[in-house]
Amino acid sequence: MSRVTLIGDNSIEYIGILLDIWPSGGCAVLIDWRIPLQTSIEMMSEADFSAYYITSN
């Protein structure tokens, strides 16, 4: 199972990416975009993610 980190604000695109992860057997790790960047990086490291998606907003 692959873990994909998603950081961003709720949007149609964000939800679309989330829905693409599940059918492939992946696990989405949702991280709130409002937390400090360093904390996000630490969480991604602990989650052992294989890919990430970060919105530009």
PDB file of N, CA and C in Angstrom:
ATOM      1  N   MET A   1       0.856  -1.185   0.000  1.00  0.00           N
ATOM      2  CA  MET A   1       0.000   0.000   0.000  1.00  0.00           C
ATOM      3  C   MET A   1       0.893   1.237   0.000  1.00  0.00           C
ATOM      4  N   SER A   2       0.582   2.173  -0.857  1.00  0.00           N
ATOM      5  CA  SER A   2       1.331   3.418  -0.905  1.00  0.00           C
ATOM      6  C   SER A   2       0.610   4.492  -0.100  1.00  0.00           C
ATOM      7  N   ARG A   3       1.381   5.343   0.516  1.00  0.00           N
ATOM      8  CA  ARG A   3       0.828   6.467   1.271  1.00  0.00           C
ATOM      9  C   ARG A   3       1.103   7.743   0.507  1.00  0.00           C
ATOM     10  N   VAL A   4       0.043   8.492   0.287  1.00  0.00           N
ATOM     11  CA  VAL A   4       0.144   9.746  -0.442  1.00  0.00           C
ATOM     12  C   VAL A   4      -0.277  10.873   0.488  1.00  0.00           C
ATOM     13  N   THR A   5       0.577  11.850   0.654  1.00  0.00           N
ATOM     14  CA  THR A   5       0.280  12.985   1.512  1.00  0.00           C
ATOM     15  C   THR A   5      -0.412  14.069   0.702  1.00  0.00           C
ATOM     16  N   LEU A   6      -1.506  14.586   1.241  1.00  0.00           N
ATOM     17  CA  LEU A   6      -2.232  15.691   0.620  1.00  0.00           C
ATOM     18  C   LEU A   6      -2.198  16.882   1.564  1.00  0.00           C
ATOM     19  N   ILE A   7      -1.708  17.999   1.070  1.00  0.00           N
ATOM     20  CA  ILE A   7      -1.709  19.242   1.836  1.00  0.00           C
ATOM     21  C   ILE A   7      -2.398  20.288   0.977  1.00  0.00           C
ATOM     22  N   GLY A   8      -3.466  20.849   1.480  1.00  0.00           N
ATOM     23  CA  GLY A   8      -4.158  21.878   0.719  1.00  0.00           C
ATOM     24  C   GLY A   8      -5.519  22.194   1.297  1.00  0.00           C
ATOM     25  N   ASP A   9      -6.145  23.149   0.691  1.00  0.00           N
ATOM     26  CA  ASP A   9      -7.481  23.557   1.086  1.00  0.00           C
ATOM     27  C   ASP A   9      -8.488  22.680   0.355  1.00  0.00           C
ATOM     28  N   ASN A  10      -9.625  22.442   0.980  1.00  0.00           N
ATOM     29  CA  ASN A  10     -10.666  21.650   0.320  1.00  0.00           C
ATOM     30  C   ASN A  10     -11.064  22.305  -0.997  1.00  0.00           C
ATOM     31  N   SER A  11     -11.056  21.504  -2.048  1.00  0.00           N
ATOM     32  CA  SER A  11     -11.466  21.974  -3.367  1.00  0.00           C
ATOM     33  C   SER A  11     -11.908  20.763  -4.170  1.00  0.00           C
ATOM     34  N   ILE A  12     -12.493  20.994  -5.304  1.00  0.00           N
ATOM     35  CA  ILE A  12     -12.883  19.896  -6.183  1.00  0.00           C
ATOM     36  C   ILE A  12     -11.650  19.108  -6.611  1.00  0.00           C
ATOM     37  N   GLU A  13     -10.584  19.808  -6.944  1.00  0.00           N
ATOM     38  CA  GLU A  13      -9.352  19.148  -7.368  1.00  0.00           C
ATOM     39  C   GLU A  13      -8.783  18.282  -6.243  1.00  0.00           C
ATOM     40  N   TYR A  14      -8.775  18.799  -5.036  1.00  0.00           N
ATOM     41  CA  TYR A  14      -8.265  18.100  -3.851  1.00  0.00           C
ATOM     42  C   TYR A  14      -9.057  16.815  -3.625  1.00  0.00           C
ATOM     43  N   ILE A  15     -10.367  16.898  -3.694  1.00  0.00           N
ATOM     44  CA  ILE A  15     -11.221  15.736  -3.493  1.00  0.00           C
ATOM     45  C   ILE A  15     -11.043  14.740  -4.644  1.00  0.00           C
ATOM     46  N   GLY A  16     -10.886  15.245  -5.863  1.00  0.00           N
ATOM     47  CA  GLY A  16     -10.651  14.372  -7.007  1.00  0.00           C
ATOM     48  C   GLY A  16      -9.382  13.551  -6.838  1.00  0.00           C
ATOM     49  N   ILE A  17      -8.332  14.176  -6.349  1.00  0.00           N
ATOM     50  CA  ILE A  17      -7.074  13.459  -6.120  1.00  0.00           C
ATOM     51  C   ILE A  17      -7.264  12.414  -5.025  1.00  0.00           C
ATOM     52  N   LEU A  18      -7.965  12.769  -3.982  1.00  0.00           N
ATOM     53  CA  LEU A  18      -8.256  11.832  -2.904  1.00  0.00           C
ATOM     54  C   LEU A  18      -9.008  10.614  -3.440  1.00  0.00           C
ATOM     55  N   LEU A  19     -10.004  10.834  -4.273  1.00  0.00           N
ATOM     56  CA  LEU A  19     -10.794   9.735  -4.832  1.00  0.00           C
ATOM     57  C   LEU A  19      -9.982   8.887  -5.810  1.00  0.00           C
ATOM     58  N   ASP A  20      -8.946   9.439  -6.423  1.00  0.00           N
ATOM     59  CA  ASP A  20      -8.068   8.664  -7.303  1.00  0.00           C
ATOM     60  C   ASP A  20      -7.124   7.750  -6.515  1.00  0.00           C
ATOM     61  N   ILE A  21      -6.817   8.119  -5.294  1.00  0.00           N
ATOM     62  CA  ILE A  21      -5.879   7.347  -4.470  1.00  0.00           C
ATOM     63  C   ILE A  21      -6.510   6.038  -3.999  1.00  0.00           C
ATOM     64  N   TRP A  22      -7.731   6.086  -3.539  1.00  0.00           N
ATOM     65  CA  TRP A  22      -8.368   4.916  -2.931  1.00  0.00           C
ATOM     66  C   TRP A  22      -8.532   3.720  -3.856  1.00  0.00           C
ATOM     67  N   PRO A  23      -9.006   3.868  -5.097  1.00  0.00           N
ATOM     68  CA  PRO A  23      -9.184   2.687  -5.944  1.00  0.00           C
ATOM     69  C   PRO A  23      -7.884   1.932  -6.243  1.00  0.00           C
ATOM     70  N   SER A  24      -6.763   2.636  -6.180  1.00  0.00           N
ATOM     71  CA  SER A  24      -5.483   1.986  -6.447  1.00  0.00           C
ATOM     72  C   SER A  24      -4.916   1.310  -5.200  1.00  0.00           C
ATOM     73  N   GLY A  25      -5.683   1.329  -4.113  1.00  0.00           N
ATOM     74  CA  GLY A  25      -5.230   0.701  -2.872  1.00  0.00           C
ATOM     75  C   GLY A  25      -4.353   1.590  -2.024  1.00  0.00           C
ATOM     76  N   GLY A  26      -4.266   2.851  -2.382  1.00  0.00           N
ATOM     77  CA  GLY A  26      -3.434   3.788  -1.636  1.00  0.00           C
ATOM     78  C   GLY A  26      -4.115   4.301  -0.378  1.00  0.00           C
ATOM     79  N   CYS A  27      -3.320   4.888   0.460  1.00  0.00           N
ATOM     80  CA  CYS A  27      -3.802   5.478   1.711  1.00  0.00           C
ATOM     81  C   CYS A  27      -3.456   6.962   1.690  1.00  0.00           C
ATOM     82  N   ALA A  28      -4.459   7.802   1.849  1.00  0.00           N
ATOM     83  CA  ALA A  28      -4.238   9.245   1.852  1.00  0.00           C
ATOM     84  C   ALA A  28      -3.933   9.727   3.270  1.00  0.00           C
ATOM     85  N   VAL A  29      -2.879  10.498   3.383  1.00  0.00           N
ATOM     86  CA  VAL A  29      -2.519  11.127   4.654  1.00  0.00           C
ATOM     87  C   VAL A  29      -2.834  12.605   4.474  1.00  0.00           C
ATOM     88  N   LEU A  30      -3.914  13.048   5.100  1.00  0.00           N
ATOM     89  CA  LEU A  30      -4.360  14.429   4.950  1.00  0.00           C
ATOM     90  C   LEU A  30      -3.703  15.299   6.014  1.00  0.00           C
ATOM     91  N   ILE A  31      -3.046  16.354   5.584  1.00  0.00           N
ATOM     92  CA  ILE A  31      -2.375  17.277   6.498  1.00  0.00           C
ATOM     93  C   ILE A  31      -2.948  18.670   6.275  1.00  0.00           C
ATOM     94  N   ASP A  32      -3.354  19.296   7.340  1.00  0.00           N
ATOM     95  CA  ASP A  32      -3.945  20.629   7.273  1.00  0.00           C
ATOM     96  C   ASP A  32      -2.892  21.638   6.811  1.00  0.00           C
ATOM     97  N   TRP A  33      -3.217  22.428   5.808  1.00  0.00           N
ATOM     98  CA  TRP A  33      -2.275  23.387   5.231  1.00  0.00           C
ATOM     99  C   TRP A  33      -1.944  24.522   6.185  1.00  0.00           C
ATOM    100  N   ARG A  34      -2.716  24.683   7.262  1.00  0.00           N
ATOM    101  CA  ARG A  34      -2.486  25.810   8.174  1.00  0.00           C
ATOM    102  C   ARG A  34      -1.443  25.534   9.240  1.00  0.00           C
ATOM    103  N   ILE A  35      -1.004  24.287   9.377  1.00  0.00           N
ATOM    104  CA  ILE A  35       0.017  24.012  10.384  1.00  0.00           C
ATOM    105  C   ILE A  35       1.383  24.437   9.838  1.00  0.00           C
ATOM    106  N   PRO A  36       2.345  24.684  10.717  1.00  0.00           N
ATOM    107  CA  PRO A  36       3.667  25.148  10.262  1.00  0.00           C
ATOM    108  C   PRO A  36       4.327  24.146   9.309  1.00  0.00           C
ATOM    109  N   LEU A  37       5.082  24.660   8.351  1.00  0.00           N
ATOM    110  CA  LEU A  37       5.723  23.829   7.345  1.00  0.00           C
ATOM    111  C   LEU A  37       6.615  22.763   7.974  1.00  0.00           C
ATOM    112  N   GLN A  38       7.397  23.122   8.949  1.00  0.00           N
ATOM    113  CA  GLN A  38       8.302  22.152   9.582  1.00  0.00           C
ATOM    114  C   GLN A  38       7.526  20.998  10.194  1.00  0.00           C
ATOM    115  N   THR A  39       6.387  21.278  10.798  1.00  0.00           N
ATOM    116  CA  THR A  39       5.550  20.231  11.371  1.00  0.00           C
ATOM    117  C   THR A  39       5.004  19.329  10.276  1.00  0.00           C
ATOM    118  N   SER A  40       4.607  19.914   9.157  1.00  0.00           N
ATOM    119  CA  SER A  40       4.129  19.130   8.013  1.00  0.00           C
ATOM    120  C   SER A  40       5.211  18.192   7.509  1.00  0.00           C
ATOM    121  N   ILE A  41       6.422  18.690   7.412  1.00  0.00           N
ATOM    122  CA  ILE A  41       7.542  17.876   6.939  1.00  0.00           C
ATOM    123  C   ILE A  41       7.796  16.714   7.892  1.00  0.00           C
ATOM    124  N   GLU A  42       7.745  16.975   9.180  1.00  0.00           N
ATOM    125  CA  GLU A  42       7.938  15.919  10.173  1.00  0.00           C
ATOM    126  C   GLU A  42       6.834  14.867  10.063  1.00  0.00           C
ATOM    127  N   MET A  43       5.595  15.313   9.880  1.00  0.00           N
ATOM    128  CA  MET A  43       4.481  14.372   9.748  1.00  0.00           C
ATOM    129  C   MET A  43       4.635  13.521   8.493  1.00  0.00           C
ATOM    130  N   MET A  44       5.051  14.126   7.376  1.00  0.00           N
ATOM    131  CA  MET A  44       5.250  13.367   6.144  1.00  0.00           C
ATOM    132  C   MET A  44       6.364  12.344   6.315  1.00  0.00           C
ATOM    133  N   SER A  45       7.398  12.710   7.028  1.00  0.00           N
ATOM    134  CA  SER A  45       8.509  11.791   7.273  1.00  0.00           C
ATOM    135  C   SER A  45       8.047  10.602   8.108  1.00  0.00           C
ATOM    136  N   GLU A  46       7.264  10.868   9.133  1.00  0.00           N
ATOM    137  CA  GLU A  46       6.760   9.802   9.996  1.00  0.00           C
ATOM    138  C   GLU A  46       5.766   8.896   9.276  1.00  0.00           C
ATOM    139  N   ALA A  47       5.040   9.443   8.310  1.00  0.00           N
ATOM    140  CA  ALA A  47       4.040   8.664   7.580  1.00  0.00           C
ATOM    141  C   ALA A  47       4.674   7.796   6.501  1.00  0.00           C
ATOM    142  N   ASP A  48       5.960   7.978   6.220  1.00  0.00           N
ATOM    143  CA  ASP A  48       6.663   7.201   5.206  1.00  0.00           C
ATOM    144  C   ASP A  48       5.905   7.233   3.879  1.00  0.00           C
ATOM    145  N   PHE A  49       5.633   8.436   3.378  1.00  0.00           N
ATOM    146  CA  PHE A  49       4.834   8.595   2.175  1.00  0.00           C
ATOM    147  C   PHE A  49       5.626   8.267   0.917  1.00  0.00           C
ATOM    148  N   SER A  50       4.906   7.860  -0.120  1.00  0.00           N
ATOM    149  CA  SER A  50       5.549   7.543  -1.394  1.00  0.00           C
ATOM    150  C   SER A  50       5.337   8.647  -2.421  1.00  0.00           C
ATOM    151  N   ALA A  51       4.382   9.511  -2.180  1.00  0.00           N
ATOM    152  CA  ALA A  51       4.109  10.640  -3.070  1.00  0.00           C
ATOM    153  C   ALA A  51       3.428  11.730  -2.260  1.00  0.00           C
ATOM    154  N   TYR A  52       3.377  12.913  -2.826  1.00  0.00           N
ATOM    155  CA  TYR A  52       2.703  14.001  -2.136  1.00  0.00           C
ATOM    156  C   TYR A  52       2.029  14.916  -3.147  1.00  0.00           C
ATOM    157  N   TYR A  53       1.038  15.622  -2.659  1.00  0.00           N
ATOM    158  CA  TYR A  53       0.337  16.622  -3.460  1.00  0.00           C
ATOM    159  C   TYR A  53       0.145  17.836  -2.582  1.00  0.00           C
ATOM    160  N   ILE A  54       0.636  18.980  -3.020  1.00  0.00           N
ATOM    161  CA  ILE A  54       0.508  20.224  -2.268  1.00  0.00           C
ATOM    162  C   ILE A  54      -0.088  21.256  -3.195  1.00  0.00           C
ATOM    163  N   THR A  55      -1.195  21.870  -2.784  1.00  0.00           N
ATOM    164  CA  THR A  55      -1.782  22.913  -3.618  1.00  0.00           C
ATOM    165  C   THR A  55      -0.977  24.188  -3.496  1.00  0.00           C
ATOM    166  N   SER A  56      -1.031  25.012  -4.491  1.00  0.00           N
ATOM    167  CA  SER A  56      -0.265  26.251  -4.491  1.00  0.00           C
ATOM    168  C   SER A  56      -0.948  27.362  -3.711  1.00  0.00           C
ATOM    169  N   ASN A  57      -2.174  27.121  -3.273  1.00  0.00           N
ATOM    170  CA  ASN A  57      -2.889  28.138  -2.510  1.00  0.00           C
ATOM    171  C   ASN A  57      -2.325  28.224  -1.128  1.00  0.00           C
TER     172      ASN A  57
END
